[in-house]
C-alpha atoms as a PDB file:
ATOM      1  CA  MET A   1       6.578   1.996  13.545  1.00  0.00           C
ATOM      2  CA  LEU A   2       8.590   1.997  10.357  1.00  0.00           C
ATOM      3  CA  THR A   3      12.332   1.558  10.050  1.00  0.00           C
ATOM      4  CA  SER A   4      14.653   2.147   7.121  1.00  0.00           C
ATOM      5  CA  ASP A   5      18.369   2.124   6.508  1.00  0.00           C
ATOM      6  CA  LEU A   6      17.911   4.726   3.785  1.00  0.00           C
ATOM      7  CA  PRO A   7      17.458   8.460   4.258  1.00  0.00           C
ATOM      8  CA  PHE A   8      14.397   9.965   2.576  1.00  0.00           C
ATOM      9  CA  SER A   9      16.666  11.442  -0.118  1.00  0.00           C
ATOM     10  CA  LYS A  10      17.416   7.923  -1.386  1.00  0.00           C
ATOM     11  CA  TRP A  11      13.830   6.639  -1.394  1.00  0.00           C
ATOM     12  CA  ASP A  12      13.601   7.348  -5.145  1.00  0.00           C
ATOM     13  CA  ASN A  13      15.583   4.114  -5.516  1.00  0.00           C
ATOM     14  CA  ILE A  14      12.644   2.254  -3.965  1.00  0.00           C
ATOM     15  CA  PHE A  15       9.655   3.840  -5.690  1.00  0.00           C
ATOM     16  CA  LYS A  16      11.314   4.873  -9.008  1.00  0.00           C
ATOM     17  CA  ASP A  17       8.905   7.787  -9.364  1.00  0.00           C
ATOM     18  CA  PRO A  18       9.628  11.102  -7.607  1.00  0.00           C
ATOM     19  CA  LEU A  19       5.917  11.912  -7.188  1.00  0.00           C
ATOM     20  CA  THR A  20       5.186   8.537  -5.588  1.00  0.00           C
ATOM     21  CA  THR A  21       8.219   8.935  -3.338  1.00  0.00           C
ATOM     22  CA  ALA A  22       7.154  12.417  -2.245  1.00  0.00           C
ATOM     23  CA  ALA A  23       3.586  11.228  -1.584  1.00  0.00           C
ATOM     24  CA  ALA A  24       4.758   8.252   0.485  1.00  0.00           C
ATOM     25  CA  ILE A  25       7.104  10.392   2.574  1.00  0.00           C
ATOM     26  CA  ASP A  26       4.409  13.034   3.024  1.00  0.00           C
ATOM     27  CA  ARG A  27       1.935  10.434   4.355  1.00  0.00           C
ATOM     28  CA  LEU A  28       4.528   8.911   6.664  1.00  0.00           C
ATOM     29  CA  VAL A  29       5.825  12.093   8.257  1.00  0.00           C
ATOM     30  CA  HIS A  30       2.470  13.826   8.713  1.00  0.00           C
ATOM     31  CA  HIS A  31       1.878  13.912  12.488  1.00  0.00           C
ATOM     32  CA  SER A  32       4.870  11.626  13.049  1.00  0.00           C
ATOM     33  CA  VAL A  33       7.877  11.674  15.291  1.00  0.00           C
ATOM     34  CA  ILE A  34      11.075  10.820  13.454  1.00  0.00           C
ATOM     35  CA  LEU A  35      13.912   9.316  15.430  1.00  0.00           C
ATOM     36  CA  GLU A  36      17.202   9.158  13.584  1.00  0.00           C
ATOM     37  CA  VAL A  37      19.593   6.608  15.012  1.00  0.00           C
ATOM     38  CA  ASN A  38      23.055   6.541  13.506  1.00  0.00           C
ATOM     39  CA  LEU A  39      24.010   2.970  14.296  1.00  0.00           C
ATOM     40  CA  PRO A  40      25.120   0.138  12.030  1.00  0.00           C
ATOM     41  CA  SER A  41      22.324  -2.037  10.728  1.00  0.00           C
ATOM     42  CA  TYR A  42      22.009  -5.216  12.775  1.00  0.00           C
ATOM     43  CA  ARG A  43      20.419  -7.102   9.870  1.00  0.00           C
ATOM     44  CA  LEU A  44      23.138  -6.008   7.433  1.00  0.00           C
ATOM     45  CA  GLU A  45      25.927  -7.061   9.797  1.00  0.00           C
ATOM     46  CA  SER A  46      24.198 -10.377  10.460  1.00  0.00           C
ATOM     47  CA  ALA A  47      23.785 -11.028   6.732  1.00  0.00           C
ATOM     48  CA  LYS A  48      27.465 -10.258   6.113  1.00  0.00           C
ATOM     49  CA  LYS A  49      28.505 -12.668   8.866  1.00  0.00           C
ATOM     50  CA  SER A  50      26.226 -15.396   7.496  1.00  0.00           C
ATOM     51  CA  LYS A  51      27.549 -14.915   3.980  1.00  0.00           C
ATOM     52  CA  ALA A  52      31.150 -15.008   5.218  1.00  0.00           C
ATOM     53  CA  ALA A  53      30.440 -18.222   7.124  1.00  0.00           C
ATOM     54  CA  VAL A  54      28.979 -19.862   4.010  1.00  0.00           C
ATOM     55  CA  LEU A  55      31.971 -18.799   1.900  1.00  0.00           C
ATOM     56  CA  GLU A  56      34.417 -20.155   4.460  1.00  0.00           C
ATOM     57  CA  SER A  57      32.800 -23.604   4.543  1.00  0.00           C
END
């Protein structure tokens, strides 16, 4: 299982090379089932709360 907050169209920001990005996506989606869940990121919300708590103290 692999999770990401980024759509495939923004993966160039991770790999910096369009060919590497395309190859990685191709390997991942071959014979895969993709489930897209449009929910807020739990980790991002948790990090924001932690940062806010640190700033308040």
